[in-house]
Amino acid sequence: MANIKYSPQARRDLEKIGDYIAADLKSPIAALNTVNRIQDAVDRLADFPDSGALLSAHYRIASDYRFVVSGNYLAFYHVDGDSVFVDRILYGRQDYMKTLFGDHLANDNDPGQ
């Protein structure tokens, strides 16, 4: 069984997701449920750390990032030994490639190319 470790940024991502849903969408119950579902999806990685999709299978990029989908959110992680490191949790409709890798990737990594 792998150990799950959240980066400080991933923890902030979860907090921002919960805060946005609770405050902006005025749905604290949905906020709690959404964050719990994301954490449940990540927790399953303890038993199946390689079960997430490889980011490099979807984009032409050399990366060991994997991701799992939970509703509208993507949890990006990498595996190192017996640990799963959750690096970011991002909204699936945002430009998550730019968030993860910066502007230098630009259009070179469009899906399907």
PDB file of N, CA and C in Angstrom:
ATOM      1  N   MET A   1       0.850  -1.184   0.000  1.00  0.00           N
ATOM      2  CA  MET A   1       0.000   0.000   0.000  1.00  0.00           C
ATOM      3  C   MET A   1       0.893   1.244   0.000  1.00  0.00           C
ATOM      4  N   ALA A   2       0.602   2.165  -0.898  1.00  0.00           N
ATOM      5  CA  ALA A   2       1.381   3.400  -1.026  1.00  0.00           C
ATOM      6  C   ALA A   2       0.923   4.440  -0.006  1.00  0.00           C
ATOM      7  N   ASN A   3       1.853   5.282   0.383  1.00  0.00           N
ATOM      8  CA  ASN A   3       1.540   6.424   1.239  1.00  0.00           C
ATOM      9  C   ASN A   3       1.108   7.586   0.354  1.00  0.00           C
ATOM     10  N   ILE A   4       0.048   8.267   0.760  1.00  0.00           N
ATOM     11  CA  ILE A   4      -0.442   9.429   0.018  1.00  0.00           C
ATOM     12  C   ILE A   4       0.106  10.681   0.703  1.00  0.00           C
ATOM     13  N   LYS A   5       0.730  11.555  -0.101  1.00  0.00           N
ATOM     14  CA  LYS A   5       1.265  12.803   0.433  1.00  0.00           C
ATOM     15  C   LYS A   5       0.798  13.950  -0.454  1.00  0.00           C
ATOM     16  N   TYR A   6       0.179  14.936   0.162  1.00  0.00           N
ATOM     17  CA  TYR A   6      -0.298  16.118  -0.552  1.00  0.00           C
ATOM     18  C   TYR A   6       0.756  17.223  -0.449  1.00  0.00           C
ATOM     19  N   SER A   7       1.030  17.867  -1.565  1.00  0.00           N
ATOM     20  CA  SER A   7       1.907  19.038  -1.526  1.00  0.00           C
ATOM     21  C   SER A   7       1.149  20.178  -0.846  1.00  0.00           C
ATOM     22  N   PRO A   8       1.870  21.173  -0.342  1.00  0.00           N
ATOM     23  CA  PRO A   8       1.169  22.343   0.222  1.00  0.00           C
ATOM     24  C   PRO A   8       0.243  22.990  -0.805  1.00  0.00           C
ATOM     25  N   GLN A   9       0.650  23.031  -2.080  1.00  0.00           N
ATOM     26  CA  GLN A   9      -0.194  23.638  -3.112  1.00  0.00           C
ATOM     27  C   GLN A   9      -1.462  22.819  -3.333  1.00  0.00           C
ATOM     28  N   ALA A  10      -1.356  21.492  -3.318  1.00  0.00           N
ATOM     29  CA  ALA A  10      -2.540  20.640  -3.478  1.00  0.00           C
ATOM     30  C   ALA A  10      -3.513  20.859  -2.319  1.00  0.00           C
ATOM     31  N   ARG A  11      -2.980  21.027  -1.122  1.00  0.00           N
ATOM     32  CA  ARG A  11      -3.842  21.315   0.032  1.00  0.00           C
ATOM     33  C   ARG A  11      -4.553  22.665  -0.152  1.00  0.00           C
ATOM     34  N   ARG A  12      -3.815  23.659  -0.654  1.00  0.00           N
ATOM     35  CA  ARG A  12      -4.436  24.967  -0.929  1.00  0.00           C
ATOM     36  C   ARG A  12      -5.484  24.836  -2.029  1.00  0.00           C
ATOM     37  N   ASP A  13      -5.196  24.017  -3.038  1.00  0.00           N
ATOM     38  CA  ASP A  13      -6.175  23.804  -4.115  1.00  0.00           C
ATOM     39  C   ASP A  13      -7.480  23.263  -3.542  1.00  0.00           C
ATOM     40  N   LEU A  14      -7.396  22.251  -2.681  1.00  0.00           N
ATOM     41  CA  LEU A  14      -8.603  21.676  -2.070  1.00  0.00           C
ATOM     42  C   LEU A  14      -9.350  22.727  -1.261  1.00  0.00           C
ATOM     43  N   GLU A  15      -8.610  23.513  -0.518  1.00  0.00           N
ATOM     44  CA  GLU A  15      -9.239  24.555   0.292  1.00  0.00           C
ATOM     45  C   GLU A  15      -9.945  25.581  -0.590  1.00  0.00           C
ATOM     46  N   LYS A  16      -9.303  25.989  -1.670  1.00  0.00           N
ATOM     47  CA  LYS A  16      -9.914  26.964  -2.588  1.00  0.00           C
ATOM     48  C   LYS A  16     -11.157  26.396  -3.262  1.00  0.00           C
ATOM     49  N   ILE A  17     -11.107  25.124  -3.622  1.00  0.00           N
ATOM     50  CA  ILE A  17     -12.280  24.476  -4.238  1.00  0.00           C
ATOM     51  C   ILE A  17     -13.446  24.508  -3.257  1.00  0.00           C
ATOM     52  N   GLY A  18     -13.191  24.084  -2.023  1.00  0.00           N
ATOM     53  CA  GLY A  18     -14.237  24.086  -1.005  1.00  0.00           C
ATOM     54  C   GLY A  18     -14.771  25.480  -0.730  1.00  0.00           C
ATOM     55  N   ASP A  19     -13.860  26.445  -0.609  1.00  0.00           N
ATOM     56  CA  ASP A  19     -14.283  27.822  -0.335  1.00  0.00           C
ATOM     57  C   ASP A  19     -15.126  28.389  -1.474  1.00  0.00           C
ATOM     58  N   TYR A  20     -14.704  28.131  -2.704  1.00  0.00           N
ATOM     59  CA  TYR A  20     -15.447  28.648  -3.861  1.00  0.00           C
ATOM     60  C   TYR A  20     -16.872  28.090  -3.890  1.00  0.00           C
ATOM     61  N   ILE A  21     -16.993  26.793  -3.727  1.00  0.00           N
ATOM     62  CA  ILE A  21     -18.322  26.172  -3.800  1.00  0.00           C
ATOM     63  C   ILE A  21     -19.194  26.638  -2.629  1.00  0.00           C
ATOM     64  N   ALA A  22     -18.599  26.696  -1.436  1.00  0.00           N
ATOM     65  CA  ALA A  22     -19.365  27.097  -0.253  1.00  0.00           C
ATOM     66  C   ALA A  22     -19.775  28.562  -0.303  1.00  0.00           C
ATOM     67  N   ALA A  23     -18.830  29.447  -0.630  1.00  0.00           N
ATOM     68  CA  ALA A  23     -19.108  30.887  -0.561  1.00  0.00           C
ATOM     69  C   ALA A  23     -19.708  31.432  -1.845  1.00  0.00           C
ATOM     70  N   ASP A  24     -19.044  31.208  -2.968  1.00  0.00           N
ATOM     71  CA  ASP A  24     -19.503  31.803  -4.228  1.00  0.00           C
ATOM     72  C   ASP A  24     -20.759  31.126  -4.756  1.00  0.00           C
ATOM     73  N   LEU A  25     -20.813  29.809  -4.643  1.00  0.00           N
ATOM     74  CA  LEU A  25     -21.989  29.082  -5.119  1.00  0.00           C
ATOM     75  C   LEU A  25     -23.017  28.871  -4.012  1.00  0.00           C
ATOM     76  N   LYS A  26     -22.658  29.294  -2.811  1.00  0.00           N
ATOM     77  CA  LYS A  26     -23.542  29.240  -1.644  1.00  0.00           C
ATOM     78  C   LYS A  26     -24.082  27.835  -1.377  1.00  0.00           C
ATOM     79  N   SER A  27     -23.157  26.881  -1.406  1.00  0.00           N
ATOM     80  CA  SER A  27     -23.559  25.500  -1.171  1.00  0.00           C
ATOM     81  C   SER A  27     -22.510  24.769  -0.325  1.00  0.00           C
ATOM     82  N   PRO A  28     -22.522  24.997   0.986  1.00  0.00           N
ATOM     83  CA  PRO A  28     -21.519  24.367   1.847  1.00  0.00           C
ATOM     84  C   PRO A  28     -21.580  22.839   1.847  1.00  0.00           C
ATOM     85  N   ILE A  29     -22.767  22.282   1.688  1.00  0.00           N
ATOM     86  CA  ILE A  29     -22.880  20.820   1.654  1.00  0.00           C
ATOM     87  C   ILE A  29     -22.236  20.282   0.376  1.00  0.00           C
ATOM     88  N   ALA A  30     -22.504  20.937  -0.753  1.00  0.00           N
ATOM     89  CA  ALA A  30     -21.871  20.521  -2.005  1.00  0.00           C
ATOM     90  C   ALA A  30     -20.357  20.690  -1.929  1.00  0.00           C
ATOM     91  N   ALA A  31     -19.887  21.726  -1.251  1.00  0.00           N
ATOM     92  CA  ALA A  31     -18.447  21.946  -1.088  1.00  0.00           C
ATOM     93  C   ALA A  31     -17.820  20.783  -0.344  1.00  0.00           C
ATOM     94  N   LEU A  32     -18.422  20.405   0.767  1.00  0.00           N
ATOM     95  CA  LEU A  32     -17.907  19.289   1.560  1.00  0.00           C
ATOM     96  C   LEU A  32     -17.938  17.988   0.758  1.00  0.00           C
ATOM     97  N   ASN A  33     -19.044  17.744   0.064  1.00  0.00           N
ATOM     98  CA  ASN A  33     -19.159  16.527  -0.743  1.00  0.00           C
ATOM     99  C   ASN A  33     -18.127  16.485  -1.864  1.00  0.00           C
ATOM    100  N   THR A  34     -17.891  17.621  -2.520  1.00  0.00           N
ATOM    101  CA  THR A  34     -16.930  17.679  -3.618  1.00  0.00           C
ATOM    102  C   THR A  34     -15.518  17.398  -3.111  1.00  0.00           C
ATOM    103  N   VAL A  35     -15.128  18.061  -2.043  1.00  0.00           N
ATOM    104  CA  VAL A  35     -13.789  17.849  -1.481  1.00  0.00           C
ATOM    105  C   VAL A  35     -13.640  16.404  -1.014  1.00  0.00           C
ATOM    106  N   ASN A  36     -14.659  15.855  -0.384  1.00  0.00           N
ATOM    107  CA  ASN A  36     -14.595  14.455   0.066  1.00  0.00           C
ATOM    108  C   ASN A  36     -14.460  13.491  -1.111  1.00  0.00           C
ATOM    109  N   ARG A  37     -15.174  13.748  -2.205  1.00  0.00           N
ATOM    110  CA  ARG A  37     -15.070  12.876  -3.385  1.00  0.00           C
ATOM    111  C   ARG A  37     -13.667  12.928  -3.995  1.00  0.00           C
ATOM    112  N   ILE A  38     -13.098  14.118  -4.038  1.00  0.00           N
ATOM    113  CA  ILE A  38     -11.737  14.255  -4.555  1.00  0.00           C
ATOM    114  C   ILE A  38     -10.769  13.467  -3.668  1.00  0.00           C
ATOM    115  N   GLN A  39     -10.899  13.637  -2.374  1.00  0.00           N
ATOM    116  CA  GLN A  39     -10.016  12.923  -1.446  1.00  0.00           C
ATOM    117  C   GLN A  39     -10.219  11.409  -1.536  1.00  0.00           C
ATOM    118  N   ASP A  40     -11.439  10.968  -1.730  1.00  0.00           N
ATOM    119  CA  ASP A  40     -11.702   9.530  -1.896  1.00  0.00           C
ATOM    120  C   ASP A  40     -11.018   8.985  -3.147  1.00  0.00           C
ATOM    121  N   ALA A  41     -11.080   9.762  -4.240  1.00  0.00           N
ATOM    122  CA  ALA A  41     -10.423   9.336  -5.484  1.00  0.00           C
ATOM    123  C   ALA A  41      -8.921   9.232  -5.277  1.00  0.00           C
ATOM    124  N   VAL A  42      -8.359  10.191  -4.566  1.00  0.00           N
ATOM    125  CA  VAL A  42      -6.922  10.162  -4.277  1.00  0.00           C
ATOM    126  C   VAL A  42      -6.592   9.003  -3.337  1.00  0.00           C
ATOM    127  N   ASP A  43      -7.417   8.765  -2.348  1.00  0.00           N
ATOM    128  CA  ASP A  43      -7.170   7.675  -1.396  1.00  0.00           C
ATOM    129  C   ASP A  43      -7.098   6.307  -2.078  1.00  0.00           C
ATOM    130  N   ARG A  44      -7.862   6.128  -3.153  1.00  0.00           N
ATOM    131  CA  ARG A  44      -7.828   4.852  -3.877  1.00  0.00           C
ATOM    132  C   ARG A  44      -6.461   4.591  -4.499  1.00  0.00           C
ATOM    133  N   LEU A  45      -5.692   5.652  -4.688  1.00  0.00           N
ATOM    134  CA  LEU A  45      -4.350   5.495  -5.250  1.00  0.00           C
ATOM    135  C   LEU A  45      -3.411   4.753  -4.300  1.00  0.00           C
ATOM    136  N   ALA A  46      -3.739   4.712  -3.028  1.00  0.00           N
ATOM    137  CA  ALA A  46      -2.915   3.977  -2.067  1.00  0.00           C
ATOM    138  C   ALA A  46      -2.828   2.504  -2.457  1.00  0.00           C
ATOM    139  N   ASP A  47      -3.928   1.952  -2.956  1.00  0.00           N
ATOM    140  CA  ASP A  47      -3.948   0.548  -3.376  1.00  0.00           C
ATOM    141  C   ASP A  47      -3.551   0.371  -4.834  1.00  0.00           C
ATOM    142  N   PHE A  48      -3.809   1.366  -5.654  1.00  0.00           N
ATOM    143  CA  PHE A  48      -3.543   1.272  -7.093  1.00  0.00           C
ATOM    144  C   PHE A  48      -2.841   2.541  -7.584  1.00  0.00           C
ATOM    145  N   PRO A  49      -1.594   2.747  -7.197  1.00  0.00           N
ATOM    146  CA  PRO A  49      -0.928   4.017  -7.512  1.00  0.00           C
ATOM    147  C   PRO A  49      -0.752   4.298  -9.007  1.00  0.00           C
ATOM    148  N   ASP A  50      -0.699   3.273  -9.829  1.00  0.00           N
ATOM    149  CA  ASP A  50      -0.525   3.478 -11.266  1.00  0.00           C
ATOM    150  C   ASP A  50      -1.846   3.488 -12.033  1.00  0.00           C
ATOM    151  N   SER A  51      -2.950   3.605 -11.313  1.00  0.00           N
ATOM    152  CA  SER A  51      -4.256   3.521 -11.973  1.00  0.00           C
ATOM    153  C   SER A  51      -4.653   4.805 -12.694  1.00  0.00           C
ATOM    154  N   GLY A  52      -4.050   5.910 -12.340  1.00  0.00           N
ATOM    155  CA  GLY A  52      -4.376   7.169 -13.007  1.00  0.00           C
ATOM    156  C   GLY A  52      -3.810   7.203 -14.417  1.00  0.00           C
ATOM    157  N   ALA A  53      -4.435   8.005 -15.259  1.00  0.00           N
ATOM    158  CA  ALA A  53      -3.979   8.141 -16.646  1.00  0.00           C
ATOM    159  C   ALA A  53      -2.656   8.898 -16.680  1.00  0.00           C
ATOM    160  N   LEU A  54      -1.778   8.469 -17.577  1.00  0.00           N
ATOM    161  CA  LEU A  54      -0.526   9.186 -17.782  1.00  0.00           C
ATOM    162  C   LEU A  54      -0.789  10.465 -18.567  1.00  0.00           C
ATOM    163  N   LEU A  55      -0.313  11.586 -18.073  1.00  0.00           N
ATOM    164  CA  LEU A  55      -0.475  12.839 -18.786  1.00  0.00           C
ATOM    165  C   LEU A  55       0.221  12.775 -20.141  1.00  0.00           C
ATOM    166  N   SER A  56       1.347  12.090 -20.204  1.00  0.00           N
ATOM    167  CA  SER A  56       2.091  11.972 -21.465  1.00  0.00           C
ATOM    168  C   SER A  56       1.346  11.160 -22.513  1.00  0.00           C
ATOM    169  N   ALA A  57       0.319  10.420 -22.122  1.00  0.00           N
ATOM    170  CA  ALA A  57      -0.500   9.684 -23.089  1.00  0.00           C
ATOM    171  C   ALA A  57      -1.487  10.612 -23.790  1.00  0.00           C
ATOM    172  N   HIS A  58      -1.730  11.777 -23.209  1.00  0.00           N
ATOM    173  CA  HIS A  58      -2.683  12.731 -23.762  1.00  0.00           C
ATOM    174  C   HIS A  58      -2.019  13.945 -24.394  1.00  0.00           C
ATOM    175  N   TYR A  59      -0.804  14.231 -23.970  1.00  0.00           N
ATOM    176  CA  TYR A  59      -0.053  15.384 -24.461  1.00  0.00           C
ATOM    177  C   TYR A  59       1.376  14.944 -24.763  1.00  0.00           C
ATOM    178  N   ARG A  60       1.943  15.562 -25.780  1.00  0.00           N
ATOM    179  CA  ARG A  60       3.339  15.262 -26.106  1.00  0.00           C
ATOM    180  C   ARG A  60       4.232  16.020 -25.130  1.00  0.00           C
ATOM    181  N   ILE A  61       4.492  15.393 -24.020  1.00  0.00           N
ATOM    182  CA  ILE A  61       5.329  16.002 -23.001  1.00  0.00           C
ATOM    183  C   ILE A  61       6.003  14.888 -22.201  1.00  0.00           C
ATOM    184  N   ALA A  62       7.241  15.089 -21.907  1.00  0.00           N
ATOM    185  CA  ALA A  62       7.960  14.131 -21.062  1.00  0.00           C
ATOM    186  C   ALA A  62       7.621  14.454 -19.614  1.00  0.00           C
ATOM    187  N   SER A  63       6.805  13.636 -19.024  1.00  0.00           N
ATOM    188  CA  SER A  63       6.360  13.883 -17.656  1.00  0.00           C
ATOM    189  C   SER A  63       5.943  12.560 -17.029  1.00  0.00           C
ATOM    190  N   ASP A  64       6.214  12.417 -15.746  1.00  0.00           N
ATOM    191  CA  ASP A  64       5.743  11.240 -15.033  1.00  0.00           C
ATOM    192  C   ASP A  64       4.426  11.518 -14.306  1.00  0.00           C
ATOM    193  N   TYR A  65       3.826  12.686 -14.580  1.00  0.00           N
ATOM    194  CA  TYR A  65       2.530  12.993 -13.983  1.00  0.00           C
ATOM    195  C   TYR A  65       1.474  11.995 -14.435  1.00  0.00           C
ATOM    196  N   ARG A  66       0.655  11.627 -13.504  1.00  0.00           N
ATOM    197  CA  ARG A  66      -0.576  10.891 -13.746  1.00  0.00           C
ATOM    198  C   ARG A  66      -1.700  11.753 -13.191  1.00  0.00           C
ATOM    199  N   PHE A  67      -2.927  11.407 -13.551  1.00  0.00           N
ATOM    200  CA  PHE A  67      -4.048  12.150 -12.977  1.00  0.00           C
ATOM    201  C   PHE A  67      -5.247  11.241 -12.817  1.00  0.00           C
ATOM    202  N   VAL A  68      -6.053  11.572 -11.831  1.00  0.00           N
ATOM    203  CA  VAL A  68      -7.347  10.923 -11.636  1.00  0.00           C
ATOM    204  C   VAL A  68      -8.404  12.008 -11.728  1.00  0.00           C
ATOM    205  N   VAL A  69      -9.549  11.611 -12.223  1.00  0.00           N
ATOM    206  CA  VAL A  69     -10.665  12.536 -12.402  1.00  0.00           C
ATOM    207  C   VAL A  69     -11.665  12.315 -11.278  1.00  0.00           C
ATOM    208  N   SER A  70     -12.125  13.415 -10.728  1.00  0.00           N
ATOM    209  CA  SER A  70     -13.195  13.370  -9.735  1.00  0.00           C
ATOM    210  C   SER A  70     -14.165  14.494 -10.074  1.00  0.00           C
ATOM    211  N   GLY A  71     -15.252  14.130 -10.721  1.00  0.00           N
ATOM    212  CA  GLY A  71     -16.205  15.146 -11.157  1.00  0.00           C
ATOM    213  C   GLY A  71     -15.548  16.101 -12.132  1.00  0.00           C
ATOM    214  N   ASN A  72     -15.561  17.389 -11.817  1.00  0.00           N
ATOM    215  CA  ASN A  72     -14.968  18.414 -12.674  1.00  0.00           C
ATOM    216  C   ASN A  72     -13.499  18.682 -12.362  1.00  0.00           C
ATOM    217  N   TYR A  73     -12.907  17.901 -11.500  1.00  0.00           N
ATOM    218  CA  TYR A  73     -11.554  18.177 -11.017  1.00  0.00           C
ATOM    219  C   TYR A  73     -10.581  17.056 -11.389  1.00  0.00           C
ATOM    220  N   LEU A  74      -9.326  17.448 -11.542  1.00  0.00           N
ATOM    221  CA  LEU A  74      -8.251  16.523 -11.860  1.00  0.00           C
ATOM    222  C   LEU A  74      -7.201  16.621 -10.761  1.00  0.00           C
ATOM    223  N   ALA A  75      -6.833  15.476 -10.212  1.00  0.00           N
ATOM    224  CA  ALA A  75      -5.764  15.427  -9.224  1.00  0.00           C
ATOM    225  C   ALA A  75      -4.511  14.920  -9.928  1.00  0.00           C
ATOM    226  N   PHE A  76      -3.480  15.770 -10.011  1.00  0.00           N
ATOM    227  CA  PHE A  76      -2.233  15.429 -10.676  1.00  0.00           C
ATOM    228  C   PHE A  76      -1.245  14.926  -9.638  1.00  0.00           C
ATOM    229  N   TYR A  77      -0.622  13.794  -9.939  1.00  0.00           N
ATOM    230  CA  TYR A  77       0.278  13.180  -8.971  1.00  0.00           C
ATOM    231  C   TYR A  77       1.401  12.455  -9.683  1.00  0.00           C
ATOM    232  N   HIS A  78       2.393  12.091  -8.909  1.00  0.00           N
ATOM    233  CA  HIS A  78       3.457  11.226  -9.405  1.00  0.00           C
ATOM    234  C   HIS A  78       3.780  10.209  -8.316  1.00  0.00           C
ATOM    235  N   VAL A  79       4.319   9.095  -8.748  1.00  0.00           N
ATOM    236  CA  VAL A  79       4.644   7.997  -7.845  1.00  0.00           C
ATOM    237  C   VAL A  79       6.157   7.948  -7.705  1.00  0.00           C
ATOM    238  N   ASP A  80       6.608   7.830  -6.474  1.00  0.00           N
ATOM    239  CA  ASP A  80       8.035   7.672  -6.202  1.00  0.00           C
ATOM    240  C   ASP A  80       8.186   6.613  -5.123  1.00  0.00           C
ATOM    241  N   GLY A  81       8.663   5.462  -5.540  1.00  0.00           N
ATOM    242  CA  GLY A  81       8.791   4.354  -4.588  1.00  0.00           C
ATOM    243  C   GLY A  81       7.437   3.922  -4.086  1.00  0.00           C
ATOM    244  N   ASP A  82       7.286   3.933  -2.769  1.00  0.00           N
ATOM    245  CA  ASP A  82       6.009   3.510  -2.182  1.00  0.00           C
ATOM    246  C   ASP A  82       5.155   4.710  -1.756  1.00  0.00           C
ATOM    247  N   SER A  83       5.389   5.851  -2.404  1.00  0.00           N
ATOM    248  CA  SER A  83       4.614   7.056  -2.083  1.00  0.00           C
ATOM    249  C   SER A  83       3.959   7.639  -3.331  1.00  0.00           C
ATOM    250  N   VAL A  84       2.768   8.145  -3.127  1.00  0.00           N
ATOM    251  CA  VAL A  84       2.042   8.890  -4.150  1.00  0.00           C
ATOM    252  C   VAL A  84       2.054  10.343  -3.704  1.00  0.00           C
ATOM    253  N   PHE A  85       2.623  11.213  -4.545  1.00  0.00           N
ATOM    254  CA  PHE A  85       2.710  12.630  -4.246  1.00  0.00           C
ATOM    255  C   PHE A  85       1.682  13.383  -5.084  1.00  0.00           C
ATOM    256  N   VAL A  86       0.679  13.935  -4.420  1.00  0.00           N
ATOM    257  CA  VAL A  86      -0.356  14.721  -5.096  1.00  0.00           C
ATOM    258  C   VAL A  86       0.171  16.150  -5.183  1.00  0.00           C
ATOM    259  N   ASP A  87       0.414  16.597  -6.413  1.00  0.00           N
ATOM    260  CA  ASP A  87       1.025  17.902  -6.623  1.00  0.00           C
ATOM    261  C   ASP A  87       0.017  19.023  -6.778  1.00  0.00           C
ATOM    262  N   ARG A  88      -1.049  18.782  -7.515  1.00  0.00           N
ATOM    263  CA  ARG A  88      -2.065  19.812  -7.762  1.00  0.00           C
ATOM    264  C   ARG A  88      -3.423  19.148  -7.904  1.00  0.00           C
ATOM    265  N   ILE A  89      -4.469  19.919  -7.600  1.00  0.00           N
ATOM    266  CA  ILE A  89      -5.852  19.519  -7.847  1.00  0.00           C
ATOM    267  C   ILE A  89      -6.492  20.717  -8.548  1.00  0.00           C
ATOM    268  N   LEU A  90      -6.849  20.516  -9.820  1.00  0.00           N
ATOM    269  CA  LEU A  90      -7.257  21.629 -10.663  1.00  0.00           C
ATOM    270  C   LEU A  90      -8.598  21.365 -11.335  1.00  0.00           C
ATOM    271  N   TYR A  91      -9.290  22.446 -11.617  1.00  0.00           N
ATOM    272  CA  TYR A  91     -10.552  22.389 -12.349  1.00  0.00           C
ATOM    273  C   TYR A  91     -10.263  21.929 -13.773  1.00  0.00           C
ATOM    274  N   GLY A  92     -11.003  20.961 -14.256  1.00  0.00           N
ATOM    275  CA  GLY A  92     -10.733  20.338 -15.542  1.00  0.00           C
ATOM    276  C   GLY A  92     -10.916  21.233 -16.754  1.00  0.00           C
ATOM    277  N   ARG A  93     -11.659  22.324 -16.624  1.00  0.00           N
ATOM    278  CA  ARG A  93     -11.893  23.202 -17.781  1.00  0.00           C
ATOM    279  C   ARG A  93     -10.925  24.381 -17.844  1.00  0.00           C
ATOM    280  N   GLN A  94     -10.054  24.471 -16.863  1.00  0.00           N
ATOM    281  CA  GLN A  94      -9.055  25.535 -16.919  1.00  0.00           C
ATOM    282  C   GLN A  94      -7.860  25.045 -17.732  1.00  0.00           C
ATOM    283  N   ASP A  95      -6.960  25.929 -18.042  1.00  0.00           N
ATOM    284  CA  ASP A  95      -5.759  25.553 -18.785  1.00  0.00           C
ATOM    285  C   ASP A  95      -4.766  24.932 -17.804  1.00  0.00           C
ATOM    286  N   TYR A  96      -5.025  23.690 -17.432  1.00  0.00           N
ATOM    287  CA  TYR A  96      -4.195  23.044 -16.417  1.00  0.00           C
ATOM    288  C   TYR A  96      -2.776  22.772 -16.902  1.00  0.00           C
ATOM    289  N   MET A  97      -2.577  22.623 -18.213  1.00  0.00           N
ATOM    290  CA  MET A  97      -1.216  22.439 -18.715  1.00  0.00           C
ATOM    291  C   MET A  97      -0.379  23.689 -18.448  1.00  0.00           C
ATOM    292  N   LYS A  98      -0.965  24.860 -18.646  1.00  0.00           N
ATOM    293  CA  LYS A  98      -0.261  26.104 -18.374  1.00  0.00           C
ATOM    294  C   LYS A  98      -0.002  26.242 -16.878  1.00  0.00           C
ATOM    295  N   THR A  99      -0.965  25.862 -16.075  1.00  0.00           N
ATOM    296  CA  THR A  99      -0.793  25.924 -14.629  1.00  0.00           C
ATOM    297  C   THR A  99       0.324  24.993 -14.175  1.00  0.00           C
ATOM    298  N   LEU A 100       0.372  23.791 -14.752  1.00  0.00           N
ATOM    299  CA  LEU A 100       1.384  22.815 -14.346  1.00  0.00           C
ATOM    300  C   LEU A 100       2.777  23.138 -14.876  1.00  0.00           C
ATOM    301  N   PHE A 101       2.855  23.604 -16.126  1.00  0.00           N
ATOM    302  CA  PHE A 101       4.150  23.710 -16.788  1.00  0.00           C
ATOM    303  C   PHE A 101       4.523  25.105 -17.253  1.00  0.00           C
ATOM    304  N   GLY A 102       3.621  26.071 -17.144  1.00  0.00           N
ATOM    305  CA  GLY A 102       3.933  27.431 -17.543  1.00  0.00           C
ATOM    306  C   GLY A 102       3.713  27.691 -19.014  1.00  0.00           C
ATOM    307  N   ASP A 103       4.025  28.908 -19.417  1.00  0.00           N
ATOM    308  CA  ASP A 103       3.790  29.362 -20.788  1.00  0.00           C
ATOM    309  C   ASP A 103       4.663  28.678 -21.823  1.00  0.00           C
ATOM    310  N   HIS A 104       5.803  28.142 -21.426  1.00  0.00           N
ATOM    311  CA  HIS A 104       6.743  27.617 -22.415  1.00  0.00           C
ATOM    312  C   HIS A 104       6.210  26.424 -23.196  1.00  0.00           C
ATOM    313  N   LEU A 105       5.108  25.828 -22.758  1.00  0.00           N
ATOM    314  CA  LEU A 105       4.543  24.701 -23.498  1.00  0.00           C
ATOM    315  C   LEU A 105       3.679  25.172 -24.661  1.00  0.00           C
ATOM    316  N   ALA A 106       3.050  26.314 -24.482  1.00  0.00           N
ATOM    317  CA  ALA A 106       2.196  26.935 -25.504  1.00  0.00           C
ATOM    318  C   ALA A 106       1.386  25.905 -26.270  1.00  0.00           C
ATOM    319  N   ASN A 107       1.426  25.957 -27.595  1.00  0.00           N
ATOM    320  CA  ASN A 107       0.604  25.089 -28.427  1.00  0.00           C
ATOM    321  C   ASN A 107       1.304  23.797 -28.821  1.00  0.00           C
ATOM    322  N   ASP A 108       2.508  23.573 -28.369  1.00  0.00           N
ATOM    323  CA  ASP A 108       3.248  22.372 -28.754  1.00  0.00           C
ATOM    324  C   ASP A 108       2.636  21.103 -28.194  1.00  0.00           C
ATOM    325  N   ASN A 109       1.755  21.237 -27.225  1.00  0.00           N
ATOM    326  CA  ASN A 109       1.237  20.055 -26.541  1.00  0.00           C
ATOM    327  C   ASN A 109      -0.259  19.937 -26.618  1.00  0.00           C
ATOM    328  N   ASP A 110      -0.843  20.428 -27.697  1.00  0.00           N
ATOM    329  CA  ASP A 110      -2.272  20.256 -27.872  1.00  0.00           C
ATOM    330  C   ASP A 110      -2.589  18.771 -27.965  1.00  0.00           C
ATOM    331  N   PRO A 111      -3.701  18.344 -27.376  1.00  0.00           N
ATOM    332  CA  PRO A 111      -4.067  16.937 -27.467  1.00  0.00           C
ATOM    333  C   PRO A 111      -4.279  16.532 -28.926  1.00  0.00           C
ATOM    334  N   GLY A 112      -3.936  15.322 -29.212  1.00  0.00           N
ATOM    335  CA  GLY A 112      -4.192  14.764 -30.532  1.00  0.00           C
ATOM    336  C   GLY A 112      -3.161  15.110 -31.572  1.00  0.00           C
ATOM    337  N   GLN A 113      -2.146  15.860 -31.230  1.00  0.00           N
ATOM    338  CA  GLN A 113      -1.123  16.193 -32.223  1.00  0.00           C
ATOM    339  C   GLN A 113      -0.057  15.134 -32.242  1.00  0.00           C
TER     340      GLN A 113
END
